[in-house]
């Protein structure tokens, strides 16, 4: 029903406006008595065989929502009712920021993709924390990842302090952290992926983490545009800093093979054009590291087959973003059903 009836209507309007409309609609639906239970019955697949224990956390299923959709932790409970095993919020920055000028989100319908140049638009980490306080541990807890970044006006030489601020603010309210240095939409951010600054950033956060009575897993989100040499550096950095794992991958700046009219828009490309490359990165990291750390696979998952391919390439978990927008919540159920069928 989503692809045949709902999506054609939504795709007639501006993508960012529809994003806000969809959020409002999901929130409204979940406010109707009995509707959260109905949504869960429609989309959740509950089976112990789907459970995964990864970097010390227990996931009810391996299909999560990638960062970028619920930047400000406004809808994590409602999105959790659609069958996701975990929700990643953010990217959050210390101070609120508007992001880049609109128009900044573009559909590539013929390619099954999106280009965004949002620029870490968010209300700041403190506002998100207030919402996350409504997600206490225990029954009903939504497993949350906190994706953190730096403010646009913060120079790279001061970037570590921005990540520290976000880490400290979120520590009590998220289950794991994701360090985002791979978005192409904040000027010079990707320079932090170079070996020396990245090692310093991750080691600083790990030192803070290890000083806590209970450590939270810290993951690194990387770009799909890294060379093999750079990916080998990532493996060395993960081993040196002993962070929990890697998310592969963020959006790409490549435009190879696109046919849609919006193909030349600036920003990060996600969706089907990224499927192959993100899987290549997952396989490379898994094989070259001898499976030394967990990988969350994300990038171009539009079907159960796409998800299985990433898991077989070496991912422990997968995340959806553009595929969720194109295929709807039925995709989460389809992946989990396929995983059960493979058991």
Foldseek 3Di string as FASTA:
>chain_A
DCQPPVQVVLVVDQPVVSLVVVLVVLVVQVVPPPSLVVLLVVAADADCLQWDQALNDIFRHQEEADEDSAAQQPCQLSVVSLHHRAYEYHQAWAAADQFDDPPAWDDQVVQLKIFGLRGRHYHHLQNSLVNLVVQDDDPSHHAYEYEYFYHLPDDLVRGLVGRVSNCVSCVVRHQAYEYEQAWPNRPPSVVCLPLVNVLVSLLVSLVVQVVDPHHHAYEYEHALPDDLVSLVSVLVSCVVSVGAYYEFYDFYQDLPPGDGPCSPDDTGMFAQVFLVSSLVSQLSNCVVNVNPHAYEGEGHPQALVSQVSSVVSGHPHYYYDSSCSNRPSNRSRRNSVVSVVVD
